[in-house]
């Protein structure tokens, strides 16, 4: 395949992505072949093609990448699902403060468009622009994380259980949702719905486990029709609440597995003429200043997200400097805390 050459007199920066696309291989293979890395799984013909394409396109390895073995960049990257997400400000704050204390610059990448985000992260890694990666995106597959880990050793995954041996740190999702559900039970509710996240996301599974544990300890039978799996965002909560309100015996209370989902759920209730908390109580997983400004103010479960970000950077720093450390951490302190506002009412009727 012939490549379009830049016009004479212009200077175009050719990247590993360009070489990989032209050669018909992945970026990690290009990186390894051009570094004469013995781990490159490529035939002699493929190696020759990669080198020919790199020379033809005028690819010049990044200066930082060439010297990565000798010096660090003092930069780490944090990939999050959505920069505007309610909960990520605290993670960024905790990670940023600790990174600064340890002498790093923290770069935040928006993973809302995962294809582009993955390409950007791989470029940062393969061109040697960062010392380490913090991956907080629940949509990253094991294949993607393993692929990154195969060419880059300094990675910590936040709030996600993964099959590989990449170090990870999680919040105590089960306990947080357990406490939120107990808050509803203490208010007299027994028919409690759960706005869960996607079935295939482990954070959602842990939160549903906390919900079920609270019901079980209270002697309340868990009804499958009251557990609705949807996305964590506002649209998911909106659609999920409609489904809960449409069951033959709607719940008197709802435990939402995300703050954004709770916001969407409250809008759906309002559209149906359901008054919160008079007709329906609701508790949301995660806290934000936004909760104070909803109508009514939303009762939430505050999780130690700043501590999660802080400890994640500490784990990554130990990898970067070659210091041994734990492979799996659950942040249990400070403990999850129920922030009582005005979205939960005491149920006096036996109907609940």
C-alpha atoms as a PDB file:
ATOM      1  CA  UNK A   1       0.000   0.000   0.000  1.00  0.00           C
ATOM      2  CA  UNK A   2       1.415   3.311  -1.019  1.00  0.00           C
ATOM      3  CA  UNK A   3       1.460   6.090   1.531  1.00  0.00           C
ATOM      4  CA  UNK A   4       0.699   9.722   0.828  1.00  0.00           C
ATOM      5  CA  UNK A   5       3.914  11.631   1.187  1.00  0.00           C
ATOM      6  CA  UNK A   6       3.894  15.095   2.752  1.00  0.00           C
ATOM      7  CA  UNK A   7       4.425  18.012   0.407  1.00  0.00           C
ATOM      8  CA  UNK A   8       8.003  19.186   0.095  1.00  0.00           C
ATOM      9  CA  UNK A   9       8.887  21.715   2.746  1.00  0.00           C
ATOM     10  CA  UNK A  10       6.254  20.557   5.239  1.00  0.00           C
ATOM     11  CA  UNK A  11       7.000  18.703   8.414  1.00  0.00           C
ATOM     12  CA  UNK A  12       4.567  15.991   9.497  1.00  0.00           C
ATOM     13  CA  UNK A  13       4.959  14.122  12.776  1.00  0.00           C
ATOM     14  CA  UNK A  14       4.693  10.409  12.043  1.00  0.00           C
ATOM     15  CA  UNK A  15       3.626   8.266  14.995  1.00  0.00           C
ATOM     16  CA  UNK A  16       3.644   4.583  15.857  1.00  0.00           C
ATOM     17  CA  UNK A  17      -0.066   4.572  15.029  1.00  0.00           C
ATOM     18  CA  UNK A  18       0.739   5.636  11.459  1.00  0.00           C
ATOM     19  CA  UNK A  19       3.415   2.967  11.041  1.00  0.00           C
ATOM     20  CA  UNK A  20       1.178   0.265  12.532  1.00  0.00           C
ATOM     21  CA  UNK A  21      -1.745   1.201  10.270  1.00  0.00           C
ATOM     22  CA  UNK A  22       0.418   1.223   7.151  1.00  0.00           C
ATOM     23  CA  UNK A  23       2.149  -2.055   8.037  1.00  0.00           C
ATOM     24  CA  UNK A  24      -1.088  -3.777   9.020  1.00  0.00           C
ATOM     25  CA  UNK A  25       0.011  -4.717  12.537  1.00  0.00           C
ATOM     26  CA  UNK A  26      -0.661  -3.444  16.058  1.00  0.00           C
ATOM     27  CA  UNK A  27       1.290  -0.663  17.765  1.00  0.00           C
ATOM     28  CA  UNK A  28       2.945  -2.916  20.331  1.00  0.00           C
ATOM     29  CA  UNK A  29       4.436  -5.075  17.555  1.00  0.00           C
ATOM     30  CA  UNK A  30       5.804  -1.981  15.797  1.00  0.00           C
ATOM     31  CA  UNK A  31       7.288  -0.677  19.033  1.00  0.00           C
ATOM     32  CA  UNK A  32       8.998  -3.967  19.839  1.00  0.00           C
ATOM     33  CA  UNK A  33      10.331  -4.574  16.347  1.00  0.00           C
ATOM     34  CA  UNK A  34      11.812  -1.075  16.098  1.00  0.00           C
ATOM     35  CA  UNK A  35      13.412  -1.533  19.530  1.00  0.00           C
ATOM     36  CA  UNK A  36      14.717  -5.006  18.565  1.00  0.00           C
ATOM     37  CA  UNK A  37      12.742  -6.419  21.472  1.00  0.00           C
ATOM     38  CA  UNK A  38      12.965 -10.226  21.470  1.00  0.00           C
ATOM     39  CA  UNK A  39       9.354 -10.434  22.715  1.00  0.00           C
ATOM     40  CA  UNK A  40       8.020  -9.174  19.380  1.00  0.00           C
ATOM     41  CA  UNK A  41       5.860 -11.933  17.886  1.00  0.00           C
ATOM     42  CA  UNK A  42       6.553 -11.249  14.246  1.00  0.00           C
ATOM     43  CA  UNK A  43       7.954 -13.157  11.288  1.00  0.00           C
ATOM     44  CA  UNK A  44      11.064 -11.993   9.487  1.00  0.00           C
ATOM     45  CA  UNK A  45       8.834 -10.794   6.651  1.00  0.00           C
ATOM     46  CA  UNK A  46       6.704  -8.726   9.053  1.00  0.00           C
ATOM     47  CA  UNK A  47       9.793  -7.252  10.714  1.00  0.00           C
ATOM     48  CA  UNK A  48      11.174  -6.228   7.338  1.00  0.00           C
ATOM     49  CA  UNK A  49       7.846  -4.681   6.330  1.00  0.00           C
ATOM     50  CA  UNK A  50       7.633  -2.663   9.561  1.00  0.00           C
ATOM     51  CA  UNK A  51      11.150  -1.297   9.132  1.00  0.00           C
ATOM     52  CA  UNK A  52      10.490  -0.467   5.472  1.00  0.00           C
ATOM     53  CA  UNK A  53       7.266   1.383   6.337  1.00  0.00           C
ATOM     54  CA  UNK A  54       8.934   3.275   9.198  1.00  0.00           C
ATOM     55  CA  UNK A  55      11.762   4.383   6.911  1.00  0.00           C
ATOM     56  CA  UNK A  56       9.407   5.332   4.073  1.00  0.00           C
ATOM     57  CA  UNK A  57       7.153   7.401   6.319  1.00  0.00           C
ATOM     58  CA  UNK A  58      10.107   9.023   8.026  1.00  0.00           C
ATOM     59  CA  UNK A  59       9.241   7.774  11.499  1.00  0.00           C
ATOM     60  CA  UNK A  60      11.606   9.092  14.170  1.00  0.00           C
ATOM     61  CA  UNK A  61      11.337   7.512  17.648  1.00  0.00           C
ATOM     62  CA  UNK A  62      10.311   9.917  20.371  1.00  0.00           C
ATOM     63  CA  UNK A  63      13.322  11.291  22.209  1.00  0.00           C
ATOM     64  CA  UNK A  64      11.740  10.508  25.543  1.00  0.00           C
ATOM     65  CA  UNK A  65      11.133   6.931  24.488  1.00  0.00           C
ATOM     66  CA  UNK A  66      14.774   6.508  23.473  1.00  0.00           C
ATOM     67  CA  UNK A  67      15.954   7.635  26.859  1.00  0.00           C
ATOM     68  CA  UNK A  68      13.219   6.043  28.950  1.00  0.00           C
ATOM     69  CA  UNK A  69      15.561   3.351  30.181  1.00  0.00           C
ATOM     70  CA  UNK A  70      17.892   5.996  31.559  1.00  0.00           C
ATOM     71  CA  UNK A  71      15.534   8.591  33.014  1.00  0.00           C
ATOM     72  CA  UNK A  72      11.908   9.101  34.023  1.00  0.00           C
ATOM     73  CA  UNK A  73       9.412  11.605  32.677  1.00  0.00           C
ATOM     74  CA  UNK A  74       7.914  12.384  36.111  1.00  0.00           C
ATOM     75  CA  UNK A  75       4.491  12.183  34.450  1.00  0.00           C
ATOM     76  CA  UNK A  76       1.664   9.738  35.134  1.00  0.00           C
ATOM     77  CA  UNK A  77      -1.657   9.443  33.293  1.00  0.00           C
ATOM     78  CA  UNK A  78      -5.125   8.766  34.692  1.00  0.00           C
ATOM     79  CA  UNK A  79      -7.800   7.411  32.340  1.00  0.00           C
ATOM     80  CA  UNK A  80     -11.358   7.940  33.568  1.00  0.00           C
ATOM     81  CA  UNK A  81     -14.655   7.118  31.831  1.00  0.00           C
ATOM     82  CA  UNK A  82     -15.891  10.709  31.744  1.00  0.00           C
ATOM     83  CA  UNK A  83     -14.164  13.861  32.949  1.00  0.00           C
ATOM     84  CA  UNK A  84     -17.529  15.440  33.742  1.00  0.00           C
ATOM     85  CA  UNK A  85     -18.690  12.443  35.802  1.00  0.00           C
ATOM     86  CA  UNK A  86     -19.915  13.324  39.305  1.00  0.00           C
ATOM     87  CA  UNK A  87     -17.586  11.041  41.247  1.00  0.00           C
ATOM     88  CA  UNK A  88     -14.295  11.534  39.433  1.00  0.00           C
ATOM     89  CA  UNK A  89     -13.468  14.969  40.799  1.00  0.00           C
ATOM     90  CA  UNK A  90     -12.537  13.447  44.163  1.00  0.00           C
ATOM     91  CA  UNK A  91     -10.458  10.680  42.568  1.00  0.00           C
ATOM     92  CA  UNK A  92      -8.600  13.273  40.490  1.00  0.00           C
ATOM     93  CA  UNK A  93      -8.111  15.486  43.553  1.00  0.00           C
ATOM     94  CA  UNK A  94      -6.680  12.660  45.664  1.00  0.00           C
ATOM     95  CA  UNK A  95      -4.479  11.363  42.846  1.00  0.00           C
ATOM     96  CA  UNK A  96      -3.314  14.845  41.891  1.00  0.00           C
ATOM     97  CA  UNK A  97      -2.372  15.830  45.436  1.00  0.00           C
ATOM     98  CA  UNK A  98      -0.390  12.634  45.993  1.00  0.00           C
ATOM     99  CA  UNK A  99       1.259  12.815  42.565  1.00  0.00           C
ATOM    100  CA  UNK A 100       2.407  16.359  43.283  1.00  0.00           C
ATOM    101  CA  UNK A 101       3.741  15.327  46.697  1.00  0.00           C
ATOM    102  CA  UNK A 102       5.772  12.556  45.067  1.00  0.00           C
ATOM    103  CA  UNK A 103       7.091  14.819  42.298  1.00  0.00           C
ATOM    104  CA  UNK A 104       4.853  13.784  39.397  1.00  0.00           C
ATOM    105  CA  UNK A 105       2.631  15.664  36.986  1.00  0.00           C
ATOM    106  CA  UNK A 106      -0.797  14.014  36.610  1.00  0.00           C
ATOM    107  CA  UNK A 107      -2.339  13.970  33.125  1.00  0.00           C
ATOM    108  CA  UNK A 108      -6.069  13.137  32.958  1.00  0.00           C
ATOM    109  CA  UNK A 109      -7.480  11.440  29.852  1.00  0.00           C
ATOM    110  CA  UNK A 110     -11.208  11.339  29.087  1.00  0.00           C
ATOM    111  CA  UNK A 111     -12.304   7.804  28.244  1.00  0.00           C
ATOM    112  CA  UNK A 112     -15.864   8.641  27.180  1.00  0.00           C
ATOM    113  CA  UNK A 113     -14.874   7.732  23.610  1.00  0.00           C
ATOM    114  CA  UNK A 114     -13.002   4.577  24.473  1.00  0.00           C
ATOM    115  CA  UNK A 115     -11.602   3.881  21.003  1.00  0.00           C
ATOM    116  CA  UNK A 116      -9.849   7.237  20.831  1.00  0.00           C
ATOM    117  CA  UNK A 117      -8.884   7.080  24.508  1.00  0.00           C
ATOM    118  CA  UNK A 118      -7.271   3.660  24.089  1.00  0.00           C
ATOM    119  CA  UNK A 119      -5.279   4.921  21.101  1.00  0.00           C
ATOM    120  CA  UNK A 120      -4.161   7.983  23.060  1.00  0.00           C
ATOM    121  CA  UNK A 121      -3.091   5.907  26.054  1.00  0.00           C
ATOM    122  CA  UNK A 122      -1.202   3.420  23.878  1.00  0.00           C
ATOM    123  CA  UNK A 123       0.603   6.293  22.177  1.00  0.00           C
ATOM    124  CA  UNK A 124       1.577   7.798  25.545  1.00  0.00           C
ATOM    125  CA  UNK A 125       2.935   4.423  26.622  1.00  0.00           C
ATOM    126  CA  UNK A 126       4.671   3.329  23.437  1.00  0.00           C
ATOM    127  CA  UNK A 127       6.310   6.699  22.842  1.00  0.00           C
ATOM    128  CA  UNK A 128       7.549   6.824  26.424  1.00  0.00           C
ATOM    129  CA  UNK A 129       5.750   9.973  27.524  1.00  0.00           C
ATOM    130  CA  UNK A 130       4.583   8.679  30.917  1.00  0.00           C
ATOM    131  CA  UNK A 131       6.120   6.728  33.770  1.00  0.00           C
ATOM    132  CA  UNK A 132       2.885   5.015  34.750  1.00  0.00           C
ATOM    133  CA  UNK A 133      -0.832   4.571  34.086  1.00  0.00           C
ATOM    134  CA  UNK A 134      -3.872   4.699  36.356  1.00  0.00           C
ATOM    135  CA  UNK A 135      -6.854   3.074  34.641  1.00  0.00           C
ATOM    136  CA  UNK A 136     -10.229   3.959  36.179  1.00  0.00           C
ATOM    137  CA  UNK A 137     -12.444   2.997  33.262  1.00  0.00           C
ATOM    138  CA  UNK A 138     -14.856   0.148  33.937  1.00  0.00           C
ATOM    139  CA  UNK A 139     -15.261  -0.450  30.208  1.00  0.00           C
ATOM    140  CA  UNK A 140     -11.639  -1.432  29.640  1.00  0.00           C
ATOM    141  CA  UNK A 141     -11.531  -5.137  28.843  1.00  0.00           C
ATOM    142  CA  UNK A 142      -8.999  -7.616  30.212  1.00  0.00           C
ATOM    143  CA  UNK A 143      -7.675  -7.875  26.650  1.00  0.00           C
ATOM    144  CA  UNK A 144      -6.891  -4.150  26.551  1.00  0.00           C
ATOM    145  CA  UNK A 145      -5.267  -4.068  29.992  1.00  0.00           C
ATOM    146  CA  UNK A 146      -3.246  -7.205  29.262  1.00  0.00           C
ATOM    147  CA  UNK A 147      -2.132  -5.744  25.935  1.00  0.00           C
ATOM    148  CA  UNK A 148      -0.952  -2.575  27.668  1.00  0.00           C
ATOM    149  CA  UNK A 149       0.753  -4.581  30.402  1.00  0.00           C
ATOM    150  CA  UNK A 150       2.619  -6.634  27.799  1.00  0.00           C
ATOM    151  CA  UNK A 151       4.545  -3.546  26.670  1.00  0.00           C
ATOM    152  CA  UNK A 152       4.419  -1.442  29.824  1.00  0.00           C
ATOM    153  CA  UNK A 153       4.861  -2.592  33.389  1.00  0.00           C
ATOM    154  CA  UNK A 154       3.671   0.336  35.483  1.00  0.00           C
ATOM    155  CA  UNK A 155      -0.127   0.100  35.630  1.00  0.00           C
ATOM    156  CA  UNK A 156      -2.709   0.262  38.426  1.00  0.00           C
ATOM    157  CA  UNK A 157      -6.398  -0.416  37.774  1.00  0.00           C
ATOM    158  CA  UNK A 158      -8.871   1.536  39.925  1.00  0.00           C
ATOM    159  CA  UNK A 159     -12.130   0.114  41.248  1.00  0.00           C
ATOM    160  CA  UNK A 160     -12.275  -2.875  38.979  1.00  0.00           C
ATOM    161  CA  UNK A 161     -11.543  -6.538  39.548  1.00  0.00           C
ATOM    162  CA  UNK A 162      -9.597  -8.002  36.649  1.00  0.00           C
ATOM    163  CA  UNK A 163      -8.530 -11.502  35.720  1.00  0.00           C
ATOM    164  CA  UNK A 164      -4.893 -10.587  35.121  1.00  0.00           C
ATOM    165  CA  UNK A 165      -2.224  -9.917  37.731  1.00  0.00           C
ATOM    166  CA  UNK A 166      -2.115  -6.166  37.125  1.00  0.00           C
ATOM    167  CA  UNK A 167      -2.177  -4.360  40.513  1.00  0.00           C
ATOM    168  CA  UNK A 168      -5.606  -3.022  41.393  1.00  0.00           C
ATOM    169  CA  UNK A 169      -7.283  -0.945  44.077  1.00  0.00           C
ATOM    170  CA  UNK A 170     -11.018  -0.869  44.794  1.00  0.00           C
ATOM    171  CA  UNK A 171     -13.461   0.849  47.113  1.00  0.00           C
ATOM    172  CA  UNK A 172     -15.684  -1.255  49.388  1.00  0.00           C
ATOM    173  CA  UNK A 173     -18.683  -1.213  47.044  1.00  0.00           C
ATOM    174  CA  UNK A 174     -20.501  -3.977  48.868  1.00  0.00           C
ATOM    175  CA  UNK A 175     -20.356  -2.244  52.234  1.00  0.00           C
ATOM    176  CA  UNK A 176     -21.396   1.110  50.790  1.00  0.00           C
ATOM    177  CA  UNK A 177     -24.512  -0.306  49.128  1.00  0.00           C
ATOM    178  CA  UNK A 178     -25.226  -2.386  52.223  1.00  0.00           C
ATOM    179  CA  UNK A 179     -25.270   0.753  54.387  1.00  0.00           C
ATOM    180  CA  UNK A 180     -27.484   2.610  51.924  1.00  0.00           C
ATOM    181  CA  UNK A 181     -30.001  -0.229  51.831  1.00  0.00           C
ATOM    182  CA  UNK A 182     -29.926  -0.497  55.635  1.00  0.00           C
ATOM    183  CA  UNK A 183     -30.833   3.201  55.770  1.00  0.00           C
ATOM    184  CA  UNK A 184     -34.013   2.449  53.832  1.00  0.00           C
ATOM    185  CA  UNK A 185     -34.795  -0.605  55.946  1.00  0.00           C
ATOM    186  CA  UNK A 186     -34.345   1.449  59.128  1.00  0.00           C
ATOM    187  CA  UNK A 187     -36.942   3.879  57.765  1.00  0.00           C
ATOM    188  CA  UNK A 188     -39.460   1.032  57.635  1.00  0.00           C
ATOM    189  CA  UNK A 189     -39.206   0.082  53.967  1.00  0.00           C
ATOM    190  CA  UNK A 190     -39.384  -3.577  52.997  1.00  0.00           C
ATOM    191  CA  UNK A 191     -40.165  -3.414  49.295  1.00  0.00           C
ATOM    192  CA  UNK A 192     -36.924  -1.871  48.099  1.00  0.00           C
ATOM    193  CA  UNK A 193     -35.832  -1.630  44.491  1.00  0.00           C
ATOM    194  CA  UNK A 194     -32.252  -1.623  43.281  1.00  0.00           C
ATOM    195  CA  UNK A 195     -31.117   0.449  40.319  1.00  0.00           C
ATOM    196  CA  UNK A 196     -28.029  -1.602  39.539  1.00  0.00           C
ATOM    197  CA  UNK A 197     -25.374  -0.966  36.935  1.00  0.00           C
ATOM    198  CA  UNK A 198     -24.618  -3.238  33.959  1.00  0.00           C
ATOM    199  CA  UNK A 199     -24.606  -6.964  34.738  1.00  0.00           C
ATOM    200  CA  UNK A 200     -21.141  -7.474  33.269  1.00  0.00           C
ATOM    201  CA  UNK A 201     -19.453  -4.761  35.383  1.00  0.00           C
ATOM    202  CA  UNK A 202     -17.955  -6.053  38.618  1.00  0.00           C
ATOM    203  CA  UNK A 203     -18.590  -2.822  40.556  1.00  0.00           C
ATOM    204  CA  UNK A 204     -22.280  -3.303  39.826  1.00  0.00           C
ATOM    205  CA  UNK A 205     -22.154  -6.908  41.016  1.00  0.00           C
ATOM    206  CA  UNK A 206     -20.499  -5.899  44.282  1.00  0.00           C
ATOM    207  CA  UNK A 207     -23.091  -3.207  44.939  1.00  0.00           C
ATOM    208  CA  UNK A 208     -25.963  -5.599  44.247  1.00  0.00           C
ATOM    209  CA  UNK A 209     -24.326  -8.038  46.678  1.00  0.00           C
ATOM    210  CA  UNK A 210     -24.410  -5.338  49.373  1.00  0.00           C
ATOM    211  CA  UNK A 211     -28.077  -4.643  48.646  1.00  0.00           C
ATOM    212  CA  UNK A 212     -28.963  -8.340  48.877  1.00  0.00           C
ATOM    213  CA  UNK A 213     -26.964  -8.771  52.084  1.00  0.00           C
ATOM    214  CA  UNK A 214     -28.901  -5.971  53.798  1.00  0.00           C
ATOM    215  CA  UNK A 215     -32.225  -7.502  52.750  1.00  0.00           C
ATOM    216  CA  UNK A 216     -31.152 -10.968  53.860  1.00  0.00           C
ATOM    217  CA  UNK A 217     -30.064  -9.785  57.304  1.00  0.00           C
ATOM    218  CA  UNK A 218     -33.407  -7.990  57.730  1.00  0.00           C
ATOM    219  CA  UNK A 219     -35.350 -11.112  56.765  1.00  0.00           C
ATOM    220  CA  UNK A 220     -36.641  -9.520  53.549  1.00  0.00           C
ATOM    221  CA  UNK A 221     -37.018 -11.705  50.480  1.00  0.00           C
ATOM    222  CA  UNK A 222     -35.162 -10.330  47.461  1.00  0.00           C
ATOM    223  CA  UNK A 223     -37.437  -9.997  44.437  1.00  0.00           C
ATOM    224  CA  UNK A 224     -35.740 -10.323  41.051  1.00  0.00           C
ATOM    225  CA  UNK A 225     -38.229  -7.890  39.477  1.00  0.00           C
ATOM    226  CA  UNK A 226     -36.978  -5.181  41.842  1.00  0.00           C
ATOM    227  CA  UNK A 227     -33.361  -5.417  40.630  1.00  0.00           C
ATOM    228  CA  UNK A 228     -32.992  -3.489  37.387  1.00  0.00           C
ATOM    229  CA  UNK A 229     -29.683  -3.570  35.507  1.00  0.00           C
ATOM    230  CA  UNK A 230     -29.010  -0.510  33.395  1.00  0.00           C
ATOM    231  CA  UNK A 231     -26.182   1.937  32.703  1.00  0.00           C
ATOM    232  CA  UNK A 232     -24.723   4.010  35.548  1.00  0.00           C
ATOM    233  CA  UNK A 233     -25.576   7.327  33.878  1.00  0.00           C
ATOM    234  CA  UNK A 234     -28.641   9.580  34.093  1.00  0.00           C
ATOM    235  CA  UNK A 235     -30.310   7.975  31.079  1.00  0.00           C
ATOM    236  CA  UNK A 236     -29.902   4.539  32.638  1.00  0.00           C
ATOM    237  CA  UNK A 237     -31.415   5.662  35.928  1.00  0.00           C
ATOM    238  CA  UNK A 238     -34.278   7.347  34.101  1.00  0.00           C
ATOM    239  CA  UNK A 239     -35.140   4.236  32.092  1.00  0.00           C
ATOM    240  CA  UNK A 240     -34.571   1.928  35.060  1.00  0.00           C
ATOM    241  CA  UNK A 241     -36.924   3.883  37.315  1.00  0.00           C
ATOM    242  CA  UNK A 242     -39.710   3.599  34.754  1.00  0.00           C
ATOM    243  CA  UNK A 243     -39.222  -0.171  34.807  1.00  0.00           C
ATOM    244  CA  UNK A 244     -39.431  -0.263  38.609  1.00  0.00           C
ATOM    245  CA  UNK A 245     -42.559   1.877  38.641  1.00  0.00           C
ATOM    246  CA  UNK A 246     -44.187  -0.427  36.091  1.00  0.00           C
ATOM    247  CA  UNK A 247     -44.008  -3.637  38.171  1.00  0.00           C
ATOM    248  CA  UNK A 248     -47.284  -4.898  39.653  1.00  0.00           C
ATOM    249  CA  UNK A 249     -46.249  -3.805  43.165  1.00  0.00           C
ATOM    250  CA  UNK A 250     -43.820  -0.901  42.794  1.00  0.00           C
ATOM    251  CA  UNK A 251     -41.189  -0.383  45.497  1.00  0.00           C
ATOM    252  CA  UNK A 252     -41.615   2.203  48.245  1.00  0.00           C
ATOM    253  CA  UNK A 253     -37.878   2.878  48.187  1.00  0.00           C
ATOM    254  CA  UNK A 254     -34.954   2.570  45.783  1.00  0.00           C
ATOM    255  CA  UNK A 255     -31.223   2.093  46.336  1.00  0.00           C
ATOM    256  CA  UNK A 256     -29.413   3.507  43.295  1.00  0.00           C
ATOM    257  CA  UNK A 257     -25.964   2.123  42.480  1.00  0.00           C
ATOM    258  CA  UNK A 258     -24.763   5.492  41.170  1.00  0.00           C
ATOM    259  CA  UNK A 259     -25.367   9.166  41.825  1.00  0.00           C
ATOM    260  CA  UNK A 260     -25.978   9.912  38.148  1.00  0.00           C
ATOM    261  CA  UNK A 261     -28.478   7.062  37.991  1.00  0.00           C
ATOM    262  CA  UNK A 262     -30.312   8.486  40.996  1.00  0.00           C
ATOM    263  CA  UNK A 263     -30.565  11.884  39.302  1.00  0.00           C
ATOM    264  CA  UNK A 264     -32.176  10.252  36.257  1.00  0.00           C
ATOM    265  CA  UNK A 265     -34.445   8.179  38.507  1.00  0.00           C
ATOM    266  CA  UNK A 266     -35.701  11.266  40.329  1.00  0.00           C
ATOM    267  CA  UNK A 267     -36.569  12.878  36.996  1.00  0.00           C
ATOM    268  CA  UNK A 268     -38.493   9.760  35.934  1.00  0.00           C
ATOM    269  CA  UNK A 269     -40.436   9.716  39.206  1.00  0.00           C
ATOM    270  CA  UNK A 270     -41.318  13.369  38.760  1.00  0.00           C
ATOM    271  CA  UNK A 271     -42.590  12.682  35.231  1.00  0.00           C
ATOM    272  CA  UNK A 272     -44.868   9.952  36.602  1.00  0.00           C
ATOM    273  CA  UNK A 273     -46.231  12.197  39.334  1.00  0.00           C
ATOM    274  CA  UNK A 274     -44.424  10.212  42.042  1.00  0.00           C
ATOM    275  CA  UNK A 275     -43.382  12.548  44.857  1.00  0.00           C
ATOM    276  CA  UNK A 276     -40.040  11.984  46.600  1.00  0.00           C
ATOM    277  CA  UNK A 277     -39.934  11.209  49.492  1.00  0.00           C
ATOM    278  CA  UNK A 278     -43.715  11.162  50.149  1.00  0.00           C
ATOM    279  CA  UNK A 279     -44.407   8.366  47.648  1.00  0.00           C
ATOM    280  CA  UNK A 280     -40.919   6.981  47.126  1.00  0.00           C
ATOM    281  CA  UNK A 281     -37.658   7.188  49.068  1.00  0.00           C
ATOM    282  CA  UNK A 282     -34.279   7.031  47.342  1.00  0.00           C
ATOM    283  CA  UNK A 283     -30.636   6.637  48.354  1.00  0.00           C
ATOM    284  CA  UNK A 284     -27.704   7.010  45.957  1.00  0.00           C
ATOM    285  CA  UNK A 285     -24.265   5.388  45.940  1.00  0.00           C
ATOM    286  CA  UNK A 286     -21.519   8.073  45.987  1.00  0.00           C
ATOM    287  CA  UNK A 287     -21.814  11.642  47.200  1.00  0.00           C
ATOM    288  CA  UNK A 288     -21.367  15.017  45.524  1.00  0.00           C
ATOM    289  CA  UNK A 289     -22.122  18.666  46.372  1.00  0.00           C
ATOM    290  CA  UNK A 290     -24.758  18.346  43.645  1.00  0.00           C
ATOM    291  CA  UNK A 291     -26.877  16.238  46.015  1.00  0.00           C
ATOM    292  CA  UNK A 292     -27.558  19.302  48.180  1.00  0.00           C
ATOM    293  CA  UNK A 293     -29.099  21.173  45.251  1.00  0.00           C
ATOM    294  CA  UNK A 294     -31.529  18.530  44.013  1.00  0.00           C
ATOM    295  CA  UNK A 295     -35.215  18.750  44.908  1.00  0.00           C
ATOM    296  CA  UNK A 296     -35.420  17.181  47.374  1.00  0.00           C
ATOM    297  CA  UNK A 297     -31.798  17.053  48.538  1.00  0.00           C
ATOM    298  CA  UNK A 298     -30.566  13.517  47.922  1.00  0.00           C
ATOM    299  CA  UNK A 299     -29.447  11.109  50.648  1.00  0.00           C
ATOM    300  CA  UNK A 300     -26.167   9.516  49.548  1.00  0.00           C
ATOM    301  CA  UNK A 301     -23.423   7.107  50.556  1.00  0.00           C
ATOM    302  CA  UNK A 302     -20.101   8.960  50.661  1.00  0.00           C
ATOM    303  CA  UNK A 303     -17.188   6.757  49.604  1.00  0.00           C
ATOM    304  CA  UNK A 304     -13.468   7.473  50.250  1.00  0.00           C
ATOM    305  CA  UNK A 305     -12.698   8.427  46.657  1.00  0.00           C
ATOM    306  CA  UNK A 306      -9.885  10.860  47.450  1.00  0.00           C
ATOM    307  CA  UNK A 307      -8.202   8.138  49.461  1.00  0.00           C
ATOM    308  CA  UNK A 308      -8.711   5.746  46.551  1.00  0.00           C
ATOM    309  CA  UNK A 309      -6.922   8.167  44.218  1.00  0.00           C
ATOM    310  CA  UNK A 310      -4.172   8.851  46.750  1.00  0.00           C
ATOM    311  CA  UNK A 311      -3.400   5.187  47.412  1.00  0.00           C
ATOM    312  CA  UNK A 312      -3.545   4.361  43.699  1.00  0.00           C
ATOM    313  CA  UNK A 313      -0.743   6.854  43.039  1.00  0.00           C
ATOM    314  CA  UNK A 314       1.259   5.375  45.913  1.00  0.00           C
ATOM    315  CA  UNK A 315       0.903   1.892  44.395  1.00  0.00           C
ATOM    316  CA  UNK A 316       1.981   3.186  40.997  1.00  0.00           C
ATOM    317  CA  UNK A 317       4.957   5.044  42.476  1.00  0.00           C
ATOM    318  CA  UNK A 318       6.199   1.836  44.114  1.00  0.00           C
ATOM    319  CA  UNK A 319       6.097   0.116  40.723  1.00  0.00           C
ATOM    320  CA  UNK A 320       7.972   2.953  39.049  1.00  0.00           C
ATOM    321  CA  UNK A 321      10.814   2.928  41.572  1.00  0.00           C
ATOM    322  CA  UNK A 322      10.916  -0.874  41.712  1.00  0.00           C
ATOM    323  CA  UNK A 323       9.696  -1.202  45.272  1.00  0.00           C
ATOM    324  CA  UNK A 324       7.563  -4.271  46.110  1.00  0.00           C
ATOM    325  CA  UNK A 325       3.969  -3.655  47.117  1.00  0.00           C
ATOM    326  CA  UNK A 326       0.536  -5.293  47.330  1.00  0.00           C
ATOM    327  CA  UNK A 327      -1.159  -6.444  44.142  1.00  0.00           C
ATOM    328  CA  UNK A 328      -4.711  -5.915  45.399  1.00  0.00           C
ATOM    329  CA  UNK A 329      -5.963  -3.274  47.844  1.00  0.00           C
ATOM    330  CA  UNK A 330      -9.446  -2.476  49.141  1.00  0.00           C
ATOM    331  CA  UNK A 331      -9.799   1.010  50.629  1.00  0.00           C
ATOM    332  CA  UNK A 332     -11.762   0.482  53.848  1.00  0.00           C
ATOM    333  CA  UNK A 333     -10.882   3.680  55.706  1.00  0.00           C
ATOM    334  CA  UNK A 334     -12.401   6.128  56.035  1.00  0.00           C
ATOM    335  CA  UNK A 335     -15.503   3.937  56.077  1.00  0.00           C
ATOM    336  CA  UNK A 336     -18.475   4.614  53.782  1.00  0.00           C
ATOM    337  CA  UNK A 337     -20.812   7.152  55.365  1.00  0.00           C
ATOM    338  CA  UNK A 338     -24.528   7.749  54.830  1.00  0.00           C
ATOM    339  CA  UNK A 339     -25.158  11.483  54.284  1.00  0.00           C
ATOM    340  CA  UNK A 340     -28.761  12.016  55.342  1.00  0.00           C
ATOM    341  CA  UNK A 341     -30.652  14.679  53.435  1.00  0.00           C
ATOM    342  CA  UNK A 342     -34.333  14.829  52.453  1.00  0.00           C
ATOM    343  CA  UNK A 343     -34.985  11.991  49.986  1.00  0.00           C
ATOM    344  CA  UNK A 344     -35.835   9.302  52.566  1.00  0.00           C
ATOM    345  CA  UNK A 345     -39.100   9.274  54.519  1.00  0.00           C
ATOM    346  CA  UNK A 346     -40.126   6.959  57.338  1.00  0.00           C
ATOM    347  CA  UNK A 347     -42.729   4.476  56.132  1.00  0.00           C
ATOM    348  CA  UNK A 348     -45.540   4.059  58.663  1.00  0.00           C
ATOM    349  CA  UNK A 349     -47.794   1.861  56.536  1.00  0.00           C
ATOM    350  CA  UNK A 350     -47.497  -1.920  56.717  1.00  0.00           C
ATOM    351  CA  UNK A 351     -47.752  -1.961  52.937  1.00  0.00           C
ATOM    352  CA  UNK A 352     -44.029  -1.338  52.580  1.00  0.00           C
END
